Amino acid sequence: MLKALGDGTLFGETFGEGPVRVIWLHGWARRGQDFTAAARELAERGIASLAIDLPGFGASPAPTRAGGARYYADLVAPAVLDAGDGLVLVGHSLGGRVAAVLAAEHPERFCEVILVGAPLLRAAPGKSPWRYRLVRALARRRLLSPARLEAARQRFGSPDYRAASGVLRDVLVTMVAESYEDELARLAAPVHLVWGANDTEVRVDLARRALTLVQSPARLTVLEGVGHLVPTESPEALIRAVLEALA
């Protein structure tokens, strides 16, 4: 059952009885329900967890202004920290960005951080198609209407960009430009990177690069035959990772 968290601007679902041991943070355009299979299995083993709907997704309303993962970490921190200490923090994709920031800022709260298919380092920027660059330049000079510019964005933008609107589109643009070398270097808890070998959205090479920046004990598990959506494609991998963290 969903419940209000913190000051009521976030919602999440708890699984199991007793103190929360695991926090789940989902990916872009997803929701906490992605972790239901893993969370229910852990609950049957006596491990309670909390799956949060990040701002703008699921039941949680969009933020009042645009910001990146560091801003999102500030928004969810009260709900996460209310859960107590000794937590396993699991973040997938967007949630992995937020998890890295939370764990760097509040190292005393987490016993392990599990980052799953998370774009933790900025990829080399690609060049926009020349047609889009032309439309954008003309729009900046007010030679084309905002409607024509939006049509070009819909044609040439990424699927996530095309699907987003309003403040969430600005959030996405901010996050795409971010990189988390500083947070990775400051992580104190053990770090477990869990990646799908077939992830074409955030490739395994990025995970290997991120691994070299972590100063705390860290390891990488690559899941053969699994793509980007590890929480729904391979919940058993997350169950194993959490049980190992709490062992």
C-alpha atoms as a PDB file:
ATOM      1  CA  MET A   1       0.000   0.000   0.000  1.00  0.00           C
ATOM      2  CA  LEU A   2       1.307   3.462  -0.917  1.00  0.00           C
ATOM      3  CA  LYS A   3       1.830   5.909   1.898  1.00  0.00           C
ATOM      4  CA  ALA A   4       2.906   9.529   2.206  1.00  0.00           C
ATOM      5  CA  LEU A   5       6.516  10.060   3.242  1.00  0.00           C
ATOM      6  CA  GLY A   6       8.350  12.960   4.839  1.00  0.00           C
ATOM      7  CA  ASP A   7       6.347  16.158   4.474  1.00  0.00           C
ATOM      8  CA  GLY A   8       3.765  14.465   2.257  1.00  0.00           C
ATOM      9  CA  THR A   9       5.326  15.401  -1.089  1.00  0.00           C
ATOM     10  CA  LEU A  10       6.672  11.891  -1.667  1.00  0.00           C
ATOM     11  CA  PHE A  11       4.950   8.534  -1.759  1.00  0.00           C
ATOM     12  CA  GLY A  12       6.305   5.045  -1.392  1.00  0.00           C
ATOM     13  CA  GLU A  13       5.378   1.468  -0.617  1.00  0.00           C
ATOM     14  CA  THR A  14       6.668  -0.563   2.300  1.00  0.00           C
ATOM     15  CA  PHE A  15       7.104  -4.323   2.137  1.00  0.00           C
ATOM     16  CA  GLY A  16       7.358  -6.573   5.174  1.00  0.00           C
ATOM     17  CA  GLU A  17       7.169  -5.962   8.882  1.00  0.00           C
ATOM     18  CA  GLY A  18       9.621  -4.326  11.253  1.00  0.00           C
ATOM     19  CA  PRO A  19      12.389  -1.785  10.679  1.00  0.00           C
ATOM     20  CA  VAL A  20      13.166  -0.951   7.068  1.00  0.00           C
ATOM     21  CA  ARG A  21      16.493  -2.438   5.973  1.00  0.00           C
ATOM     22  CA  VAL A  22      16.434  -1.657   2.231  1.00  0.00           C
ATOM     23  CA  ILE A  23      15.598   1.501   0.262  1.00  0.00           C
ATOM     24  CA  TRP A  24      14.720   1.159  -3.441  1.00  0.00           C
ATOM     25  CA  LEU A  25      15.063   4.089  -5.885  1.00  0.00           C
ATOM     26  CA  HIS A  26      13.760   3.549  -9.425  1.00  0.00           C
ATOM     27  CA  GLY A  27      14.804   4.769 -12.866  1.00  0.00           C
ATOM     28  CA  TRP A  28      13.609   7.557 -15.151  1.00  0.00           C
ATOM     29  CA  ALA A  29       9.920   7.299 -16.129  1.00  0.00           C
ATOM     30  CA  ARG A  30       9.573   4.244 -13.874  1.00  0.00           C
ATOM     31  CA  ARG A  31       8.180   3.869 -10.341  1.00  0.00           C
ATOM     32  CA  GLY A  32       8.824   2.016  -7.112  1.00  0.00           C
ATOM     33  CA  GLN A  33       6.685  -0.892  -8.310  1.00  0.00           C
ATOM     34  CA  ASP A  34       9.649  -2.033 -10.426  1.00  0.00           C
ATOM     35  CA  PHE A  35      11.074  -3.564  -7.246  1.00  0.00           C
ATOM     36  CA  THR A  36       7.917  -5.395  -6.144  1.00  0.00           C
ATOM     37  CA  ALA A  37       9.144  -8.903  -6.992  1.00  0.00           C
ATOM     38  CA  ALA A  38      12.442  -8.468  -5.152  1.00  0.00           C
ATOM     39  CA  ALA A  39      10.866  -6.643  -2.216  1.00  0.00           C
ATOM     40  CA  ARG A  40       8.171  -9.279  -1.687  1.00  0.00           C
ATOM     41  CA  GLU A  41      10.702 -12.099  -1.705  1.00  0.00           C
ATOM     42  CA  LEU A  42      12.864 -10.264   0.824  1.00  0.00           C
ATOM     43  CA  ALA A  43       9.792  -9.564   2.971  1.00  0.00           C
ATOM     44  CA  GLU A  44       9.109 -13.302   3.102  1.00  0.00           C
ATOM     45  CA  ARG A  45      12.644 -13.685   4.440  1.00  0.00           C
ATOM     46  CA  GLY A  46      11.944 -11.139   7.195  1.00  0.00           C
ATOM     47  CA  ILE A  47      13.630  -8.150   5.514  1.00  0.00           C
ATOM     48  CA  ALA A  48      11.456  -5.044   5.296  1.00  0.00           C
ATOM     49  CA  SER A  49      12.027  -2.468   2.576  1.00  0.00           C
ATOM     50  CA  LEU A  50      10.715   0.809   1.199  1.00  0.00           C
ATOM     51  CA  ALA A  51      10.266   1.576  -2.525  1.00  0.00           C
ATOM     52  CA  ILE A  52      10.005   5.311  -3.145  1.00  0.00           C
ATOM     53  CA  ASP A  53       8.293   6.968  -6.108  1.00  0.00           C
ATOM     54  CA  LEU A  54      10.757   9.704  -7.034  1.00  0.00           C
ATOM     55  CA  PRO A  55       9.396  13.227  -7.639  1.00  0.00           C
ATOM     56  CA  GLY A  56       7.425  13.419 -10.860  1.00  0.00           C
ATOM     57  CA  PHE A  57       6.904   9.667 -11.189  1.00  0.00           C
ATOM     58  CA  GLY A  58       4.360   7.212  -9.883  1.00  0.00           C
ATOM     59  CA  ALA A  59       2.299   8.789  -7.105  1.00  0.00           C
ATOM     60  CA  SER A  60       4.823  11.507  -6.225  1.00  0.00           C
ATOM     61  CA  PRO A  61       4.137  14.970  -7.689  1.00  0.00           C
ATOM     62  CA  ALA A  62       6.721  16.690  -9.853  1.00  0.00           C
ATOM     63  CA  PRO A  63       9.226  18.998  -8.147  1.00  0.00           C
ATOM     64  CA  THR A  64       8.459  22.688  -8.079  1.00  0.00           C
ATOM     65  CA  ARG A  65      11.612  23.554 -10.020  1.00  0.00           C
ATOM     66  CA  ALA A  66      14.140  21.835 -12.218  1.00  0.00           C
ATOM     67  CA  GLY A  67      17.254  20.293 -10.729  1.00  0.00           C
ATOM     68  CA  GLY A  68      19.540  17.315 -11.107  1.00  0.00           C
ATOM     69  CA  ALA A  69      20.270  14.268  -8.977  1.00  0.00           C
ATOM     70  CA  ARG A  70      21.745  16.411  -6.203  1.00  0.00           C
ATOM     71  CA  TYR A  71      18.471  18.319  -5.962  1.00  0.00           C
ATOM     72  CA  TYR A  72      16.499  15.061  -6.036  1.00  0.00           C
ATOM     73  CA  ALA A  73      18.702  13.697  -3.254  1.00  0.00           C
ATOM     74  CA  ASP A  74      17.771  16.691  -1.114  1.00  0.00           C
ATOM     75  CA  LEU A  75      14.084  16.049  -1.823  1.00  0.00           C
ATOM     76  CA  VAL A  76      14.128  12.377  -0.839  1.00  0.00           C
ATOM     77  CA  ALA A  77      16.684  12.575   1.986  1.00  0.00           C
ATOM     78  CA  PRO A  78      14.130  13.199   4.795  1.00  0.00           C
ATOM     79  CA  ALA A  79      12.126  10.083   3.852  1.00  0.00           C
ATOM     80  CA  VAL A  80      15.253   7.952   3.470  1.00  0.00           C
ATOM     81  CA  LEU A  81      16.890   9.122   6.673  1.00  0.00           C
ATOM     82  CA  ASP A  82      13.671   8.559   8.626  1.00  0.00           C
ATOM     83  CA  ALA A  83      14.180   4.836   7.969  1.00  0.00           C
ATOM     84  CA  GLY A  84      17.174   4.739  10.305  1.00  0.00           C
ATOM     85  CA  ASP A  85      20.740   3.430  10.011  1.00  0.00           C
ATOM     86  CA  GLY A  86      22.411   0.350   8.550  1.00  0.00           C
ATOM     87  CA  LEU A  87      20.408   0.611   5.336  1.00  0.00           C
ATOM     88  CA  VAL A  88      21.088  -1.047   2.012  1.00  0.00           C
ATOM     89  CA  LEU A  89      20.488   1.606  -0.654  1.00  0.00           C
ATOM     90  CA  VAL A  90      19.561   0.300  -4.106  1.00  0.00           C
ATOM     91  CA  GLY A  91      19.327   2.707  -7.022  1.00  0.00           C
ATOM     92  CA  HIS A  92      18.488   1.850 -10.619  1.00  0.00           C
ATOM     93  CA  SER A  93      19.372   4.248 -13.471  1.00  0.00           C
ATOM     94  CA  LEU A  94      18.126   7.696 -12.322  1.00  0.00           C
ATOM     95  CA  GLY A  95      17.745   6.218  -8.843  1.00  0.00           C
ATOM     96  CA  GLY A  96      21.410   5.209  -8.954  1.00  0.00           C
ATOM     97  CA  ARG A  97      22.421   8.820  -9.543  1.00  0.00           C
ATOM     98  CA  VAL A  98      20.348   9.876  -6.543  1.00  0.00           C
ATOM     99  CA  ALA A  99      21.649   6.978  -4.441  1.00  0.00           C
ATOM    100  CA  ALA A 100      25.276   7.918  -5.122  1.00  0.00           C
ATOM    101  CA  VAL A 101      24.624  11.470  -3.928  1.00  0.00           C
ATOM    102  CA  LEU A 102      22.693  10.335  -0.836  1.00  0.00           C
ATOM    103  CA  ALA A 103      25.399   7.863   0.161  1.00  0.00           C
ATOM    104  CA  ALA A 104      28.152  10.447  -0.325  1.00  0.00           C
ATOM    105  CA  GLU A 105      26.306  13.050   1.745  1.00  0.00           C
ATOM    106  CA  HIS A 106      25.150  10.692   4.522  1.00  0.00           C
ATOM    107  CA  PRO A 107      27.801   7.949   4.741  1.00  0.00           C
ATOM    108  CA  GLU A 108      26.882   6.959   8.289  1.00  0.00           C
ATOM    109  CA  ARG A 109      23.423   5.744   7.275  1.00  0.00           C
ATOM    110  CA  PHE A 110      24.242   3.016   4.749  1.00  0.00           C
ATOM    111  CA  CYS A 111      25.911  -0.361   5.107  1.00  0.00           C
ATOM    112  CA  GLU A 112      26.071  -0.917   1.334  1.00  0.00           C
ATOM    113  CA  VAL A 113      25.164   0.908  -1.860  1.00  0.00           C
ATOM    114  CA  ILE A 114      23.939  -1.121  -4.850  1.00  0.00           C
ATOM    115  CA  LEU A 115      24.002   0.851  -8.091  1.00  0.00           C
ATOM    116  CA  VAL A 116      22.184  -0.730 -11.026  1.00  0.00           C
ATOM    117  CA  GLY A 117      22.548   0.448 -14.631  1.00  0.00           C
ATOM    118  CA  ALA A 118      23.164   3.980 -13.396  1.00  0.00           C
ATOM    119  CA  PRO A 119      24.607   6.708 -15.675  1.00  0.00           C
ATOM    120  CA  LEU A 120      27.125   7.886 -13.084  1.00  0.00           C
ATOM    121  CA  LEU A 121      29.575   9.468 -15.512  1.00  0.00           C
ATOM    122  CA  ARG A 122      28.774  11.846 -18.338  1.00  0.00           C
ATOM    123  CA  ALA A 123      29.078  10.213 -21.726  1.00  0.00           C
ATOM    124  CA  ALA A 124      30.952  11.932 -24.521  1.00  0.00           C
ATOM    125  CA  PRO A 125      28.481  14.439 -25.981  1.00  0.00           C
ATOM    126  CA  GLY A 126      27.166  13.597 -29.402  1.00  0.00           C
ATOM    127  CA  LYS A 127      26.503  16.223 -32.029  1.00  0.00           C
ATOM    128  CA  SER A 128      22.866  17.092 -32.675  1.00  0.00           C
ATOM    129  CA  PRO A 129      21.615  16.535 -36.233  1.00  0.00           C
ATOM    130  CA  TRP A 130      22.333  19.549 -38.402  1.00  0.00           C
ATOM    131  CA  ARG A 131      18.640  20.014 -39.191  1.00  0.00           C
ATOM    132  CA  TYR A 132      17.837  20.370 -35.506  1.00  0.00           C
ATOM    133  CA  ARG A 133      20.747  22.757 -34.957  1.00  0.00           C
ATOM    134  CA  LEU A 134      19.475  24.895 -37.820  1.00  0.00           C
ATOM    135  CA  VAL A 135      15.925  24.997 -36.444  1.00  0.00           C
ATOM    136  CA  ARG A 136      17.229  25.865 -32.980  1.00  0.00           C
ATOM    137  CA  ALA A 137      19.400  28.681 -34.336  1.00  0.00           C
ATOM    138  CA  LEU A 138      16.484  30.129 -36.312  1.00  0.00           C
ATOM    139  CA  ALA A 139      14.189  29.869 -33.271  1.00  0.00           C
ATOM    140  CA  ARG A 140      16.722  31.730 -31.130  1.00  0.00           C
ATOM    141  CA  ARG A 141      16.604  34.547 -33.687  1.00  0.00           C
ATOM    142  CA  ARG A 142      12.797  34.400 -33.559  1.00  0.00           C
ATOM    143  CA  LEU A 143      12.658  33.403 -37.206  1.00  0.00           C
ATOM    144  CA  LEU A 144      10.745  30.235 -36.341  1.00  0.00           C
ATOM    145  CA  SER A 145       7.873  29.796 -33.919  1.00  0.00           C
ATOM    146  CA  PRO A 146       8.097  27.896 -30.609  1.00  0.00           C
ATOM    147  CA  ALA A 147       5.746  25.332 -32.156  1.00  0.00           C
ATOM    148  CA  ARG A 148       8.246  24.636 -34.957  1.00  0.00           C
ATOM    149  CA  LEU A 149      11.050  24.292 -32.404  1.00  0.00           C
ATOM    150  CA  GLU A 150       8.985  21.845 -30.345  1.00  0.00           C
ATOM    151  CA  ALA A 151       8.200  19.847 -33.473  1.00  0.00           C
ATOM    152  CA  ALA A 152      11.945  19.559 -34.130  1.00  0.00           C
ATOM    153  CA  ARG A 153      12.547  18.477 -30.546  1.00  0.00           C
ATOM    154  CA  GLN A 154       9.913  15.791 -30.918  1.00  0.00           C
ATOM    155  CA  ARG A 155      11.518  14.588 -34.147  1.00  0.00           C
ATOM    156  CA  PHE A 156      15.164  14.609 -33.114  1.00  0.00           C
ATOM    157  CA  GLY A 157      15.116  14.261 -29.323  1.00  0.00           C
ATOM    158  CA  SER A 158      15.684  11.045 -27.388  1.00  0.00           C
ATOM    159  CA  PRO A 159      12.607   8.965 -26.436  1.00  0.00           C
ATOM    160  CA  ASP A 160      12.892  10.167 -22.818  1.00  0.00           C
ATOM    161  CA  TYR A 161      13.164  13.781 -23.952  1.00  0.00           C
ATOM    162  CA  ARG A 162      10.189  13.476 -26.296  1.00  0.00           C
ATOM    163  CA  ALA A 163       8.062  11.887 -23.575  1.00  0.00           C
ATOM    164  CA  ALA A 164       8.947  14.496 -20.935  1.00  0.00           C
ATOM    165  CA  SER A 165       7.296  17.882 -20.648  1.00  0.00           C
ATOM    166  CA  GLY A 166       7.321  20.892 -18.380  1.00  0.00           C
ATOM    167  CA  VAL A 167       9.633  20.796 -15.414  1.00  0.00           C
ATOM    168  CA  LEU A 168      10.494  17.124 -15.958  1.00  0.00           C
ATOM    169  CA  ARG A 169      12.005  17.917 -19.351  1.00  0.00           C
ATOM    170  CA  ASP A 170      14.215  20.520 -17.669  1.00  0.00           C
ATOM    171  CA  VAL A 171      15.102  17.984 -14.960  1.00  0.00           C
ATOM    172  CA  LEU A 172      16.143  15.498 -17.641  1.00  0.00           C
ATOM    173  CA  VAL A 173      18.321  18.036 -19.441  1.00  0.00           C
ATOM    174  CA  THR A 174      20.009  18.946 -16.143  1.00  0.00           C
ATOM    175  CA  MET A 175      20.686  15.333 -15.203  1.00  0.00           C
ATOM    176  CA  VAL A 176      22.078  14.386 -18.602  1.00  0.00           C
ATOM    177  CA  ALA A 177      24.718  17.095 -18.150  1.00  0.00           C
ATOM    178  CA  GLU A 178      25.735  15.902 -14.665  1.00  0.00           C
ATOM    179  CA  SER A 179      28.578  13.595 -13.682  1.00  0.00           C
ATOM    180  CA  TYR A 180      29.310  12.125 -10.264  1.00  0.00           C
ATOM    181  CA  GLU A 181      33.076  11.625  -9.989  1.00  0.00           C
ATOM    182  CA  ASP A 182      33.130  13.545  -6.704  1.00  0.00           C
ATOM    183  CA  GLU A 183      30.356  11.493  -5.131  1.00  0.00           C
ATOM    184  CA  LEU A 184      31.898   8.204  -6.251  1.00  0.00           C
ATOM    185  CA  ALA A 185      35.219   9.166  -4.664  1.00  0.00           C
ATOM    186  CA  ARG A 186      33.496  10.074  -1.384  1.00  0.00           C
ATOM    187  CA  LEU A 187      31.481   6.880  -0.950  1.00  0.00           C
ATOM    188  CA  ALA A 188      32.374   5.218   2.354  1.00  0.00           C
ATOM    189  CA  ALA A 189      30.110   2.164   2.340  1.00  0.00           C
ATOM    190  CA  PRO A 190      30.912  -0.866   0.181  1.00  0.00           C
ATOM    191  CA  VAL A 191      29.620  -0.436  -3.367  1.00  0.00           C
ATOM    192  CA  HIS A 192      28.172  -3.164  -5.589  1.00  0.00           C
ATOM    193  CA  LEU A 193      27.580  -2.308  -9.240  1.00  0.00           C
ATOM    194  CA  VAL A 194      24.995  -4.613 -10.832  1.00  0.00           C
ATOM    195  CA  TRP A 195      24.702  -4.330 -14.623  1.00  0.00           C
ATOM    196  CA  GLY A 196      22.936  -6.059 -17.459  1.00  0.00           C
ATOM    197  CA  ALA A 197      25.415  -7.286 -20.062  1.00  0.00           C
ATOM    198  CA  ASN A 198      22.928  -6.276 -22.771  1.00  0.00           C
ATOM    199  CA  ASP A 199      22.279  -2.783 -21.374  1.00  0.00           C
ATOM    200  CA  THR A 200      22.348  -0.466 -24.389  1.00  0.00           C
ATOM    201  CA  GLU A 201      21.231   2.618 -22.439  1.00  0.00           C
ATOM    202  CA  VAL A 202      24.109   2.592 -19.927  1.00  0.00           C
ATOM    203  CA  ARG A 203      26.789   0.258 -21.166  1.00  0.00           C
ATOM    204  CA  VAL A 204      28.937  -1.914 -18.938  1.00  0.00           C
ATOM    205  CA  ASP A 205      32.051   0.046 -19.932  1.00  0.00           C
ATOM    206  CA  LEU A 206      30.687   2.992 -17.953  1.00  0.00           C
ATOM    207  CA  ALA A 207      30.316   0.773 -14.886  1.00  0.00           C
ATOM    208  CA  ARG A 208      33.939  -0.307 -15.217  1.00  0.00           C
ATOM    209  CA  ARG A 209      35.042   3.333 -15.434  1.00  0.00           C
ATOM    210  CA  ALA A 210      32.952   4.221 -12.379  1.00  0.00           C
ATOM    211  CA  LEU A 211      34.445   1.310 -10.442  1.00  0.00           C
ATOM    212  CA  THR A 212      37.949   2.806 -10.744  1.00  0.00           C
ATOM    213  CA  LEU A 213      36.792   5.978  -8.973  1.00  0.00           C
ATOM    214  CA  VAL A 214      35.355   4.322  -5.859  1.00  0.00           C
ATOM    215  CA  GLN A 215      37.718   4.340  -2.856  1.00  0.00           C
ATOM    216  CA  SER A 216      35.625   2.053  -0.634  1.00  0.00           C
ATOM    217  CA  PRO A 217      35.421  -1.723  -1.267  1.00  0.00           C
ATOM    218  CA  ALA A 218      33.687  -2.111  -4.627  1.00  0.00           C
ATOM    219  CA  ARG A 219      32.816  -4.809  -7.132  1.00  0.00           C
ATOM    220  CA  LEU A 220      30.930  -5.269 -10.376  1.00  0.00           C
ATOM    221  CA  THR A 221      28.469  -8.045 -11.227  1.00  0.00           C
ATOM    222  CA  VAL A 222      27.531  -8.356 -14.913  1.00  0.00           C
ATOM    223  CA  LEU A 223      24.296 -10.231 -15.660  1.00  0.00           C
ATOM    224  CA  GLU A 224      24.404 -12.163 -18.913  1.00  0.00           C
ATOM    225  CA  GLY A 225      21.309 -11.930 -21.073  1.00  0.00           C
ATOM    226  CA  VAL A 226      19.896  -8.971 -19.108  1.00  0.00           C
ATOM    227  CA  GLY A 227      19.290  -5.452 -20.419  1.00  0.00           C
ATOM    228  CA  HIS A 228      18.778  -2.107 -18.722  1.00  0.00           C
ATOM    229  CA  LEU A 229      15.671  -2.960 -16.680  1.00  0.00           C
ATOM    230  CA  VAL A 230      17.394  -5.196 -14.149  1.00  0.00           C
ATOM    231  CA  PRO A 231      14.710  -4.738 -11.424  1.00  0.00           C
ATOM    232  CA  THR A 232      12.044  -6.327 -13.617  1.00  0.00           C
ATOM    233  CA  GLU A 233      14.217  -8.540 -15.831  1.00  0.00           C
ATOM    234  CA  SER A 234      16.315 -10.068 -13.052  1.00  0.00           C
ATOM    235  CA  PRO A 235      14.871  -9.357  -9.589  1.00  0.00           C
ATOM    236  CA  GLU A 236      16.696 -12.433  -8.281  1.00  0.00           C
ATOM    237  CA  ALA A 237      20.008 -10.650  -8.902  1.00  0.00           C
ATOM    238  CA  LEU A 238      18.938  -7.809  -6.622  1.00  0.00           C
ATOM    239  CA  ILE A 239      17.703 -10.248  -3.999  1.00  0.00           C
ATOM    240  CA  ARG A 240      21.111 -11.930  -3.984  1.00  0.00           C
ATOM    241  CA  ALA A 241      22.903  -8.581  -3.782  1.00  0.00           C
ATOM    242  CA  VAL A 242      20.802  -7.424  -0.820  1.00  0.00           C
ATOM    243  CA  LEU A 243      21.204 -10.717   1.062  1.00  0.00           C
ATOM    244  CA  GLU A 244      24.978 -10.544   0.559  1.00  0.00           C
ATOM    245  CA  ALA A 245      25.001  -6.959   1.824  1.00  0.00           C
ATOM    246  CA  LEU A 246      23.103  -7.896   4.982  1.00  0.00           C
ATOM    247  CA  ALA A 247      24.988 -11.133   5.650  1.00  0.00           C
END
